Amino acid sequence: LKEKGVVFEFNQHVIKANIKDGRVVQLQTPIKEFDNVDRVVSTIPLIAVHKLMLPKSNLVISLNYRATIIVFIEVSKLHTNALFLTNYDLNCLYGRISFCSNWSKNKENIVISTEIWCNEEDDIYNQPEHEITELIIKSLSSQKLFSTGIKPKSKVIKLPKSFPVLDIDYKTNLDLVSNELNTISNLRLIGRHGNFQWDG
């Protein structure tokens, strides 16, 4: 397609869309406008696309997403050969631990990543990074899966709207949103976020 002169614009933060006769004809980003748009492929959450493309719609959207917090911690030694562990205890802080032993050149210092699934309005989602890290280390210390120093290197990444919530009425609500977006002929929604499904 590039050899035939097709121009791709990836990873654009679109802030406004101009729709005419059921087609996106112009997109605006904070730094540039794109005219004569042929096709738009979106991976952002479905509810965000709807708001962007159809800001005058009166549809009340009842679709929800869960957020994820990923806590990366550099540990000095692993006491397990597992690649990852999934926790099915709903009262536990974390949902999954991945042991990323192939991420480090130095086998003495290995990275683990711990996933916390929550809502954006939950207290933990709005806590500072160092407090979240301390909670995870404290929660995992009783399991003796790894050894760590007093102040290990760590990084916290918060991912809003990372998992669609497939509640009992989601399909009906999804159809209402999809039917409105389907009136835009050159818009294509892909991925877990765009399709509001886990296997996106």
N, C-alpha and C. Protein backbone atom coordinates (compact mmCIF):
# COMPACT_ATOMS: atom_id res chain seq x y z
N LEU A 1 0.82 -1.21 0.00
CA LEU A 1 0.00 0.00 0.00
C LEU A 1 0.86 1.26 0.00
N LYS A 2 1.96 1.23 0.75
CA LYS A 2 2.86 2.39 0.74
C LYS A 2 3.46 2.60 -0.63
N GLU A 3 3.79 1.49 -1.32
CA GLU A 3 4.37 1.58 -2.66
C GLU A 3 3.37 2.20 -3.64
N LYS A 4 2.08 2.05 -3.33
CA LYS A 4 1.04 2.63 -4.20
C LYS A 4 0.67 4.04 -3.78
N GLY A 5 1.39 4.59 -2.80
CA GLY A 5 1.17 5.97 -2.42
C GLY A 5 0.24 6.20 -1.25
N VAL A 6 -0.18 5.09 -0.59
CA VAL A 6 -1.06 5.25 0.57
C VAL A 6 -0.24 5.80 1.74
N VAL A 7 -0.75 6.81 2.41
CA VAL A 7 -0.07 7.43 3.55
C VAL A 7 -0.72 6.96 4.84
N PHE A 8 0.08 6.43 5.77
CA PHE A 8 -0.40 5.99 7.07
C PHE A 8 0.05 6.99 8.13
N GLU A 9 -0.84 7.30 9.04
CA GLU A 9 -0.51 8.17 10.17
C GLU A 9 -0.81 7.39 11.45
N PHE A 10 0.24 6.86 12.08
CA PHE A 10 0.06 6.01 13.25
C PHE A 10 0.12 6.81 14.54
N ASN A 11 -0.50 6.25 15.59
CA ASN A 11 -0.36 6.77 16.96
C ASN A 11 -0.70 8.25 17.08
N GLN A 12 -1.77 8.65 16.46
CA GLN A 12 -2.19 10.05 16.52
C GLN A 12 -3.19 10.27 17.65
N HIS A 13 -2.99 11.32 18.41
CA HIS A 13 -3.91 11.69 19.49
C HIS A 13 -4.96 12.62 18.91
N VAL A 14 -6.07 12.05 18.50
CA VAL A 14 -7.12 12.82 17.84
C VAL A 14 -7.98 13.52 18.88
N ILE A 15 -8.20 14.81 18.70
CA ILE A 15 -9.01 15.57 19.65
C ILE A 15 -10.34 16.03 19.03
N LYS A 16 -10.44 15.94 17.71
CA LYS A 16 -11.68 16.35 17.07
C LYS A 16 -11.81 15.66 15.72
N ALA A 17 -13.04 15.28 15.39
CA ALA A 17 -13.31 14.64 14.10
C ALA A 17 -14.42 15.40 13.39
N ASN A 18 -14.26 15.59 12.10
CA ASN A 18 -15.28 16.24 11.29
C ASN A 18 -15.92 15.17 10.41
N ILE A 19 -17.21 14.98 10.59
CA ILE A 19 -17.93 13.94 9.86
C ILE A 19 -18.93 14.59 8.90
N LYS A 20 -18.91 14.12 7.66
CA LYS A 20 -19.81 14.66 6.65
C LYS A 20 -20.37 13.50 5.83
N ASP A 21 -21.69 13.48 5.68
CA ASP A 21 -22.36 12.43 4.90
C ASP A 21 -21.96 11.03 5.37
N GLY A 22 -21.87 10.85 6.69
CA GLY A 22 -21.61 9.53 7.23
C GLY A 22 -20.17 9.06 7.09
N ARG A 23 -19.24 10.00 6.88
CA ARG A 23 -17.83 9.65 6.74
C ARG A 23 -16.95 10.64 7.52
N VAL A 24 -15.87 10.13 8.08
CA VAL A 24 -14.88 11.01 8.68
C VAL A 24 -14.11 11.66 7.54
N VAL A 25 -14.11 12.97 7.46
CA VAL A 25 -13.42 13.66 6.37
C VAL A 25 -12.20 14.43 6.86
N GLN A 26 -12.17 14.71 8.17
CA GLN A 26 -11.04 15.47 8.72
C GLN A 26 -10.82 15.08 10.18
N LEU A 27 -9.55 15.00 10.57
CA LEU A 27 -9.19 14.73 11.95
C LEU A 27 -8.24 15.81 12.43
N GLN A 28 -8.39 16.17 13.70
CA GLN A 28 -7.53 17.20 14.27
C GLN A 28 -6.79 16.63 15.48
N THR A 29 -5.48 16.86 15.53
CA THR A 29 -4.65 16.51 16.68
C THR A 29 -4.18 17.82 17.32
N PRO A 30 -3.53 17.76 18.47
CA PRO A 30 -3.06 19.01 19.08
C PRO A 30 -2.08 19.80 18.22
N ILE A 31 -1.44 19.13 17.25
CA ILE A 31 -0.42 19.82 16.46
C ILE A 31 -0.69 19.84 14.95
N LYS A 32 -1.71 19.11 14.49
CA LYS A 32 -1.88 18.99 13.05
C LYS A 32 -3.31 18.64 12.70
N GLU A 33 -3.73 19.03 11.48
CA GLU A 33 -5.02 18.60 10.93
C GLU A 33 -4.77 17.69 9.76
N PHE A 34 -5.59 16.65 9.66
CA PHE A 34 -5.50 15.72 8.54
C PHE A 34 -6.78 15.84 7.72
N ASP A 35 -6.63 16.33 6.48
CA ASP A 35 -7.78 16.49 5.58
C ASP A 35 -7.86 15.30 4.63
N ASN A 36 -9.01 15.18 3.98
CA ASN A 36 -9.23 14.12 2.98
C ASN A 36 -8.92 12.74 3.56
N VAL A 37 -9.43 12.48 4.75
CA VAL A 37 -9.22 11.19 5.41
C VAL A 37 -9.97 10.11 4.65
N ASP A 38 -9.28 9.01 4.39
CA ASP A 38 -9.91 7.90 3.69
C ASP A 38 -10.50 6.89 4.67
N ARG A 39 -9.66 6.43 5.63
CA ARG A 39 -10.13 5.47 6.62
C ARG A 39 -9.53 5.80 7.99
N VAL A 40 -10.29 5.48 9.04
CA VAL A 40 -9.82 5.67 10.41
C VAL A 40 -9.90 4.33 11.13
N VAL A 41 -8.78 3.91 11.71
CA VAL A 41 -8.74 2.68 12.50
C VAL A 41 -8.42 3.08 13.93
N SER A 42 -9.30 2.71 14.86
CA SER A 42 -9.14 3.15 16.24
C SER A 42 -9.01 1.96 17.19
N THR A 43 -8.08 2.12 18.15
CA THR A 43 -7.90 1.10 19.20
C THR A 43 -8.26 1.64 20.57
N ILE A 44 -8.70 2.90 20.67
CA ILE A 44 -9.00 3.48 21.98
C ILE A 44 -10.36 2.95 22.46
N PRO A 45 -10.64 3.07 23.77
CA PRO A 45 -11.90 2.54 24.30
C PRO A 45 -13.12 3.01 23.53
N LEU A 46 -14.04 2.10 23.35
CA LEU A 46 -15.25 2.34 22.56
C LEU A 46 -16.00 3.59 23.02
N ILE A 47 -16.12 3.78 24.33
CA ILE A 47 -16.87 4.94 24.82
C ILE A 47 -16.15 6.25 24.48
N ALA A 48 -14.82 6.21 24.41
CA ALA A 48 -14.06 7.41 24.05
C ALA A 48 -14.22 7.71 22.56
N VAL A 49 -14.26 6.68 21.73
CA VAL A 49 -14.47 6.87 20.29
C VAL A 49 -15.84 7.48 20.04
N HIS A 50 -16.84 6.95 20.74
CA HIS A 50 -18.21 7.45 20.57
C HIS A 50 -18.29 8.93 20.92
N LYS A 51 -17.68 9.31 22.03
CA LYS A 51 -17.70 10.71 22.46
C LYS A 51 -16.98 11.61 21.46
N LEU A 52 -15.88 11.10 20.90
CA LEU A 52 -15.09 11.88 19.94
C LEU A 52 -15.82 12.04 18.61
N MET A 53 -16.39 10.94 18.12
CA MET A 53 -17.00 10.95 16.79
C MET A 53 -18.42 11.52 16.78
N LEU A 54 -19.15 11.29 17.88
CA LEU A 54 -20.55 11.70 17.93
C LEU A 54 -20.83 12.51 19.20
N PRO A 55 -20.20 13.68 19.33
CA PRO A 55 -20.32 14.46 20.58
C PRO A 55 -21.74 14.97 20.85
N LYS A 56 -22.58 15.03 19.83
CA LYS A 56 -23.95 15.53 20.02
C LYS A 56 -24.95 14.42 20.28
N SER A 57 -24.50 13.18 20.36
CA SER A 57 -25.39 12.06 20.60
C SER A 57 -26.00 12.16 22.00
N ASN A 58 -27.28 11.76 22.10
CA ASN A 58 -27.98 11.75 23.39
C ASN A 58 -27.95 10.37 24.05
N LEU A 59 -27.23 9.45 23.45
CA LEU A 59 -27.18 8.09 23.98
C LEU A 59 -26.48 8.06 25.34
N VAL A 60 -27.14 7.44 26.31
CA VAL A 60 -26.52 7.23 27.62
C VAL A 60 -25.80 5.88 27.57
N ILE A 61 -24.48 5.92 27.70
CA ILE A 61 -23.67 4.71 27.55
C ILE A 61 -23.46 4.03 28.89
N SER A 62 -23.83 2.76 28.97
CA SER A 62 -23.68 1.99 30.21
C SER A 62 -22.68 0.86 30.00
N LEU A 63 -21.48 1.22 29.59
CA LEU A 63 -20.40 0.26 29.44
C LEU A 63 -19.27 0.66 30.37
N ASN A 64 -18.72 -0.30 31.07
CA ASN A 64 -17.69 0.00 32.06
C ASN A 64 -16.39 -0.75 31.77
N TYR A 65 -15.29 -0.16 32.25
CA TYR A 65 -13.97 -0.77 32.12
C TYR A 65 -13.33 -0.89 33.49
N ARG A 66 -12.50 -1.91 33.66
CA ARG A 66 -11.65 -2.02 34.84
C ARG A 66 -10.28 -1.48 34.49
N ALA A 67 -9.59 -0.99 35.49
CA ALA A 67 -8.23 -0.48 35.31
C ALA A 67 -7.23 -1.52 35.80
N THR A 68 -5.98 -1.35 35.37
CA THR A 68 -4.90 -2.21 35.82
C THR A 68 -3.75 -1.35 36.34
N ILE A 69 -3.16 -1.79 37.43
CA ILE A 69 -1.91 -1.19 37.91
C ILE A 69 -0.85 -2.28 37.80
N ILE A 70 0.24 -1.99 37.09
CA ILE A 70 1.35 -2.94 36.99
C ILE A 70 2.51 -2.41 37.82
N VAL A 71 2.96 -3.24 38.74
CA VAL A 71 4.08 -2.87 39.61
C VAL A 71 5.28 -3.73 39.23
N PHE A 72 6.33 -3.09 38.73
CA PHE A 72 7.58 -3.78 38.38
C PHE A 72 8.55 -3.62 39.54
N ILE A 73 9.13 -4.72 39.99
CA ILE A 73 10.08 -4.68 41.10
C ILE A 73 11.31 -5.50 40.72
N GLU A 74 12.49 -4.92 40.94
CA GLU A 74 13.72 -5.67 40.71
C GLU A 74 14.07 -6.43 41.98
N VAL A 75 14.17 -7.75 41.85
CA VAL A 75 14.45 -8.60 43.02
C VAL A 75 15.85 -9.20 42.88
N SER A 76 16.41 -9.64 43.99
CA SER A 76 17.77 -10.17 43.95
C SER A 76 17.80 -11.67 43.70
N LYS A 77 16.72 -12.37 44.03
CA LYS A 77 16.71 -13.82 43.82
C LYS A 77 15.28 -14.33 43.77
N LEU A 78 15.04 -15.26 42.85
CA LEU A 78 13.73 -15.92 42.77
C LEU A 78 13.79 -17.25 43.50
N HIS A 79 12.68 -17.60 44.15
CA HIS A 79 12.57 -18.89 44.82
C HIS A 79 11.48 -19.74 44.18
N THR A 80 11.29 -19.53 42.87
CA THR A 80 10.30 -20.30 42.12
C THR A 80 10.77 -20.42 40.67
N ASN A 81 10.35 -21.49 40.01
CA ASN A 81 10.65 -21.66 38.58
C ASN A 81 9.46 -21.28 37.70
N ALA A 82 8.40 -20.78 38.32
CA ALA A 82 7.19 -20.42 37.57
C ALA A 82 7.46 -19.23 36.65
N LEU A 83 6.75 -19.19 35.52
CA LEU A 83 6.80 -18.03 34.63
C LEU A 83 5.81 -16.97 35.10
N PHE A 84 4.65 -17.44 35.57
CA PHE A 84 3.67 -16.52 36.14
C PHE A 84 2.74 -17.29 37.06
N LEU A 85 2.11 -16.57 37.96
CA LEU A 85 1.13 -17.13 38.89
C LEU A 85 -0.11 -16.27 38.84
N THR A 86 -1.28 -16.89 38.73
CA THR A 86 -2.55 -16.18 38.76
C THR A 86 -3.22 -16.43 40.09
N ASN A 87 -3.73 -15.38 40.69
CA ASN A 87 -4.35 -15.47 42.00
C ASN A 87 -5.87 -15.38 41.84
N TYR A 88 -6.59 -16.37 42.34
CA TYR A 88 -8.05 -16.38 42.20
C TYR A 88 -8.77 -15.96 43.48
N ASP A 89 -8.01 -15.51 44.47
CA ASP A 89 -8.59 -15.03 45.71
C ASP A 89 -9.02 -13.58 45.53
N LEU A 90 -10.32 -13.33 45.49
CA LEU A 90 -10.82 -11.98 45.20
C LEU A 90 -10.52 -10.99 46.32
N ASN A 91 -10.16 -11.49 47.49
CA ASN A 91 -9.82 -10.60 48.60
C ASN A 91 -8.36 -10.20 48.60
N CYS A 92 -7.59 -10.76 47.67
CA CYS A 92 -6.16 -10.48 47.61
C CYS A 92 -5.91 -9.21 46.79
N LEU A 93 -4.83 -8.53 47.10
CA LEU A 93 -4.50 -7.27 46.43
C LEU A 93 -4.18 -7.45 44.95
N TYR A 94 -3.43 -8.48 44.61
CA TYR A 94 -2.96 -8.64 43.23
C TYR A 94 -3.67 -9.81 42.53
N GLY A 95 -3.67 -9.75 41.21
CA GLY A 95 -4.31 -10.80 40.43
C GLY A 95 -3.34 -11.73 39.73
N ARG A 96 -2.17 -11.19 39.35
CA ARG A 96 -1.21 -12.03 38.62
C ARG A 96 0.20 -11.52 38.85
N ILE A 97 1.14 -12.46 38.94
CA ILE A 97 2.56 -12.14 39.04
C ILE A 97 3.26 -12.78 37.86
N SER A 98 4.09 -12.02 37.17
CA SER A 98 4.93 -12.56 36.09
C SER A 98 6.38 -12.43 36.50
N PHE A 99 7.14 -13.50 36.30
CA PHE A 99 8.56 -13.50 36.65
C PHE A 99 9.36 -13.31 35.38
N CYS A 100 9.84 -12.10 35.17
CA CYS A 100 10.45 -11.70 33.90
C CYS A 100 11.95 -11.93 33.93
N SER A 101 12.35 -13.17 34.11
CA SER A 101 13.77 -13.49 34.29
C SER A 101 14.59 -13.22 33.04
N ASN A 102 13.97 -13.12 31.89
CA ASN A 102 14.72 -12.85 30.66
C ASN A 102 14.86 -11.36 30.36
N TRP A 103 14.43 -10.50 31.29
CA TRP A 103 14.51 -9.06 31.08
C TRP A 103 15.83 -8.47 31.54
N SER A 104 16.58 -9.22 32.30
CA SER A 104 17.79 -8.66 32.91
C SER A 104 19.03 -9.35 32.39
N LYS A 105 20.05 -8.55 32.08
CA LYS A 105 21.34 -9.12 31.67
C LYS A 105 22.03 -9.76 32.87
N ASN A 106 21.80 -9.19 34.03
CA ASN A 106 22.41 -9.68 35.25
C ASN A 106 21.43 -10.63 35.94
N LYS A 107 21.74 -11.91 35.97
CA LYS A 107 20.84 -12.90 36.53
C LYS A 107 20.68 -12.75 38.04
N GLU A 108 21.50 -11.90 38.64
CA GLU A 108 21.37 -11.64 40.07
C GLU A 108 20.19 -10.70 40.36
N ASN A 109 19.84 -9.91 39.35
CA ASN A 109 18.74 -8.94 39.52
C ASN A 109 17.66 -9.21 38.48
N ILE A 110 16.56 -9.74 38.95
CA ILE A 110 15.47 -10.16 38.07
C ILE A 110 14.25 -9.28 38.34
N VAL A 111 13.48 -9.04 37.30
CA VAL A 111 12.28 -8.21 37.43
C VAL A 111 11.05 -9.09 37.56
N ILE A 112 10.18 -8.74 38.49
CA ILE A 112 8.86 -9.34 38.54
C ILE A 112 7.84 -8.24 38.27
N SER A 113 6.72 -8.62 37.67
CA SER A 113 5.64 -7.65 37.48
C SER A 113 4.39 -8.20 38.15
N THR A 114 3.72 -7.34 38.88
CA THR A 114 2.50 -7.73 39.59
C THR A 114 1.36 -6.87 39.09
N GLU A 115 0.25 -7.52 38.77
CA GLU A 115 -0.91 -6.80 38.25
C GLU A 115 -1.99 -6.67 39.32
N ILE A 116 -2.48 -5.47 39.48
CA ILE A 116 -3.61 -5.18 40.37
C ILE A 116 -4.77 -4.75 39.49
N TRP A 117 -5.90 -5.39 39.63
CA TRP A 117 -7.09 -5.02 38.86
C TRP A 117 -8.04 -4.27 39.76
N CYS A 118 -8.48 -3.10 39.33
CA CYS A 118 -9.29 -2.24 40.19
C CYS A 118 -10.12 -1.29 39.33
N ASN A 119 -10.80 -0.37 39.98
CA ASN A 119 -11.53 0.69 39.29
C ASN A 119 -10.74 2.00 39.44
N GLU A 120 -10.93 2.89 38.50
CA GLU A 120 -10.18 4.16 38.53
C GLU A 120 -10.52 5.01 39.75
N GLU A 121 -11.71 4.80 40.31
CA GLU A 121 -12.09 5.59 41.50
C GLU A 121 -11.66 4.92 42.80
N ASP A 122 -11.08 3.72 42.74
CA ASP A 122 -10.62 3.03 43.95
C ASP A 122 -9.45 3.78 44.59
N ASP A 123 -9.35 3.66 45.90
CA ASP A 123 -8.27 4.34 46.63
C ASP A 123 -6.90 3.96 46.10
N ILE A 124 -6.70 2.66 45.84
CA ILE A 124 -5.36 2.22 45.46
C ILE A 124 -4.93 2.81 44.12
N TYR A 125 -5.86 3.01 43.20
CA TYR A 125 -5.52 3.57 41.90
C TYR A 125 -4.99 4.99 42.03
N ASN A 126 -5.43 5.68 43.06
CA ASN A 126 -5.05 7.07 43.25
C ASN A 126 -3.95 7.27 44.29
N GLN A 127 -3.36 6.16 44.77
CA GLN A 127 -2.25 6.26 45.71
C GLN A 127 -0.95 6.56 44.98
N PRO A 128 0.02 7.18 45.66
CA PRO A 128 1.34 7.41 45.06
C PRO A 128 2.03 6.08 44.74
N GLU A 129 2.96 6.13 43.78
CA GLU A 129 3.65 4.91 43.33
C GLU A 129 4.35 4.18 44.47
N HIS A 130 5.06 4.93 45.32
CA HIS A 130 5.85 4.25 46.36
C HIS A 130 4.95 3.53 47.36
N GLU A 131 3.74 4.06 47.61
CA GLU A 131 2.82 3.40 48.53
C GLU A 131 2.28 2.11 47.93
N ILE A 132 1.98 2.14 46.64
CA ILE A 132 1.49 0.93 45.97
C ILE A 132 2.57 -0.14 45.98
N THR A 133 3.80 0.26 45.70
CA THR A 133 4.92 -0.69 45.71
C THR A 133 5.10 -1.32 47.09
N GLU A 134 5.04 -0.50 48.12
CA GLU A 134 5.18 -1.02 49.49
C GLU A 134 4.07 -2.01 49.82
N LEU A 135 2.85 -1.73 49.39
CA LEU A 135 1.74 -2.64 49.63
C LEU A 135 1.96 -3.99 48.96
N ILE A 136 2.46 -3.94 47.71
CA ILE A 136 2.71 -5.19 46.97
C ILE A 136 3.81 -6.00 47.65
N ILE A 137 4.91 -5.36 48.00
CA ILE A 137 6.02 -6.07 48.65
C ILE A 137 5.55 -6.71 49.96
N LYS A 138 4.77 -5.97 50.73
CA LYS A 138 4.25 -6.50 51.99
C LYS A 138 3.31 -7.68 51.74
N SER A 139 2.47 -7.56 50.72
CA SER A 139 1.51 -8.62 50.40
C SER A 139 2.21 -9.89 49.94
N LEU A 140 3.32 -9.74 49.20
CA LEU A 140 4.02 -10.90 48.65
C LEU A 140 5.06 -11.49 49.60
N SER A 141 5.47 -10.73 50.59
CA SER A 141 6.58 -11.18 51.45
C SER A 141 6.29 -12.49 52.18
N SER A 142 5.03 -12.72 52.52
CA SER A 142 4.68 -13.94 53.25
C SER A 142 4.79 -15.19 52.38
N GLN A 143 4.78 -15.01 51.05
CA GLN A 143 4.83 -16.17 50.15
C GLN A 143 6.25 -16.62 49.83
N LYS A 144 7.24 -15.78 50.16
CA LYS A 144 8.65 -16.15 49.99
C LYS A 144 8.96 -16.60 48.56
N LEU A 145 8.44 -15.86 47.59
CA LEU A 145 8.68 -16.17 46.18
C LEU A 145 9.99 -15.57 45.69
N PHE A 146 10.49 -14.56 46.38
CA PHE A 146 11.70 -13.88 45.94
C PHE A 146 12.37 -13.22 47.13
N SER A 147 13.62 -12.80 46.90
CA SER A 147 14.35 -12.01 47.89
C SER A 147 14.60 -10.63 47.30
N THR A 148 14.56 -9.64 48.15
CA THR A 148 14.77 -8.28 47.67
C THR A 148 15.53 -7.47 48.72
N GLY A 149 16.14 -6.38 48.26
CA GLY A 149 16.84 -5.50 49.19
C GLY A 149 15.87 -4.63 49.96
N ILE A 150 16.40 -3.73 50.76
CA ILE A 150 15.56 -2.86 51.58
C ILE A 150 14.74 -1.92 50.71
N LYS A 151 15.37 -1.31 49.71
CA LYS A 151 14.67 -0.40 48.80
C LYS A 151 14.92 -0.83 47.36
N PRO A 152 14.19 -1.82 46.88
CA PRO A 152 14.43 -2.30 45.52
C PRO A 152 13.98 -1.29 44.47
N LYS A 153 14.60 -1.34 43.29
CA LYS A 153 14.16 -0.50 42.18
C LYS A 153 12.76 -0.95 41.78
N SER A 154 11.92 0.03 41.46
CA SER A 154 10.55 -0.32 41.10
C SER A 154 9.97 0.73 40.15
N LYS A 155 8.88 0.34 39.50
CA LYS A 155 8.17 1.24 38.59
C LYS A 155 6.70 0.85 38.60
N VAL A 156 5.83 1.85 38.68
CA VAL A 156 4.39 1.60 38.67
C VAL A 156 3.79 2.23 37.41
N ILE A 157 3.00 1.46 36.70
CA ILE A 157 2.30 1.97 35.51
C ILE A 157 0.80 1.76 35.73
N LYS A 158 0.03 2.83 35.57
CA LYS A 158 -1.42 2.75 35.72
C LYS A 158 -2.08 2.78 34.34
N LEU A 159 -2.91 1.78 34.09
CA LEU A 159 -3.57 1.66 32.80
C LEU A 159 -5.08 1.80 32.98
N PRO A 160 -5.63 2.97 32.66
CA PRO A 160 -7.09 3.14 32.78
C PRO A 160 -7.82 2.37 31.69
N LYS A 161 -9.01 1.94 31.99
CA LYS A 161 -9.88 1.29 30.99
C LYS A 161 -9.17 0.16 30.25
N SER A 162 -8.50 -0.71 31.00
CA SER A 162 -7.73 -1.77 30.35
C SER A 162 -8.54 -3.03 30.06
N PHE A 163 -9.60 -3.29 30.83
CA PHE A 163 -10.41 -4.48 30.61
C PHE A 163 -11.89 -4.11 30.54
N PRO A 164 -12.58 -4.49 29.46
CA PRO A 164 -14.03 -4.26 29.42
C PRO A 164 -14.74 -5.14 30.44
N VAL A 165 -15.76 -4.58 31.08
CA VAL A 165 -16.55 -5.34 32.06
C VAL A 165 -17.75 -5.95 31.34
N LEU A 166 -17.76 -7.26 31.25
CA LEU A 166 -18.83 -7.96 30.54
C LEU A 166 -19.93 -8.33 31.53
N ASP A 167 -20.70 -7.33 31.95
CA ASP A 167 -21.77 -7.59 32.89
C ASP A 167 -22.99 -8.15 32.17
N ILE A 168 -24.06 -8.39 32.91
CA ILE A 168 -25.20 -9.12 32.34
C ILE A 168 -25.87 -8.37 31.20
N ASP A 169 -25.80 -7.04 31.19
CA ASP A 169 -26.47 -6.26 30.15
C ASP A 169 -25.51 -5.68 29.12
N TYR A 170 -24.26 -6.08 29.14
CA TYR A 170 -23.28 -5.39 28.30
C TYR A 170 -23.59 -5.52 26.81
N LYS A 171 -24.08 -6.69 26.38
CA LYS A 171 -24.31 -6.90 24.94
C LYS A 171 -25.37 -5.93 24.42
N THR A 172 -26.44 -5.74 25.18
CA THR A 172 -27.49 -4.81 24.77
C THR A 172 -26.95 -3.39 24.67
N ASN A 173 -26.18 -2.98 25.70
CA ASN A 173 -25.59 -1.64 25.69
C ASN A 173 -24.55 -1.48 24.60
N LEU A 174 -23.77 -2.53 24.35
CA LEU A 174 -22.76 -2.50 23.30
C LEU A 174 -23.41 -2.31 21.93
N ASP A 175 -24.52 -3.00 21.70
CA ASP A 175 -25.21 -2.88 20.42
C ASP A 175 -25.70 -1.46 20.18
N LEU A 176 -26.18 -0.79 21.23
CA LEU A 176 -26.66 0.58 21.09
C LEU A 176 -25.54 1.51 20.63
N VAL A 177 -24.37 1.36 21.25
CA VAL A 177 -23.22 2.19 20.88
C VAL A 177 -22.73 1.83 19.49
N SER A 178 -22.61 0.53 19.23
CA SER A 178 -22.10 0.08 17.93
C SER A 178 -23.00 0.53 16.79
N ASN A 179 -24.31 0.47 17.00
CA ASN A 179 -25.24 0.88 15.94
C ASN A 179 -25.04 2.34 15.55
N GLU A 180 -24.76 3.20 16.54
CA GLU A 180 -24.52 4.61 16.22
C GLU A 180 -23.19 4.79 15.50
N LEU A 181 -22.16 4.08 15.98
CA LEU A 181 -20.84 4.22 15.34
C LEU A 181 -20.81 3.61 13.95
N ASN A 182 -21.64 2.60 13.72
CA ASN A 182 -21.68 1.96 12.40
C ASN A 182 -22.25 2.87 11.32
N THR A 183 -22.83 4.01 11.72
CA THR A 183 -23.31 4.97 10.72
C THR A 183 -22.15 5.72 10.08
N ILE A 184 -20.95 5.58 10.66
CA ILE A 184 -19.74 6.21 10.09
C ILE A 184 -19.03 5.16 9.25
N SER A 185 -19.15 5.26 7.95
CA SER A 185 -18.77 4.17 7.05
C SER A 185 -17.26 3.90 6.99
N ASN A 186 -16.43 4.90 7.24
CA ASN A 186 -14.98 4.68 7.10
C ASN A 186 -14.26 4.60 8.46
N LEU A 187 -15.02 4.25 9.50
CA LEU A 187 -14.44 4.06 10.83
C LEU A 187 -14.37 2.58 11.16
N ARG A 188 -13.20 2.13 11.55
CA ARG A 188 -13.02 0.71 11.92
C ARG A 188 -12.47 0.65 13.34
N LEU A 189 -13.14 -0.11 14.21
CA LEU A 189 -12.71 -0.27 15.59
C LEU A 189 -12.07 -1.64 15.77
N ILE A 190 -10.89 -1.67 16.38
CA ILE A 190 -10.18 -2.94 16.53
C ILE A 190 -9.66 -3.09 17.95
N GLY A 191 -9.29 -4.32 18.28
CA GLY A 191 -8.66 -4.60 19.56
C GLY A 191 -9.64 -4.73 20.71
N ARG A 192 -9.10 -5.07 21.87
CA ARG A 192 -9.91 -5.25 23.08
C ARG A 192 -10.68 -3.99 23.43
N HIS A 193 -10.04 -2.83 23.31
CA HIS A 193 -10.68 -1.57 23.68
C HIS A 193 -11.73 -1.17 22.64
N GLY A 194 -11.36 -1.22 21.39
CA GLY A 194 -12.26 -0.77 20.34
C GLY A 194 -13.48 -1.65 20.17
N ASN A 195 -13.31 -2.96 20.37
CA ASN A 195 -14.41 -3.90 20.19
C ASN A 195 -15.15 -4.22 21.48
N PHE A 196 -14.62 -3.75 22.60
CA PHE A 196 -15.20 -4.05 23.92
C PHE A 196 -15.38 -5.56 24.09
N GLN A 197 -14.28 -6.29 23.87
CA GLN A 197 -14.28 -7.72 24.11
C GLN A 197 -12.89 -8.17 24.47
N TRP A 198 -12.80 -9.24 25.25
CA TRP A 198 -11.52 -9.66 25.81
C TRP A 198 -10.56 -10.20 24.77
N ASP A 199 -11.10 -10.83 23.73
CA ASP A 199 -10.23 -11.42 22.71
C ASP A 199 -10.14 -10.54 21.48
N GLY A 200 -10.55 -9.23 21.63
CA GLY A 200 -10.46 -8.14 20.66
C GLY A 200 -9.94 -8.50 19.32
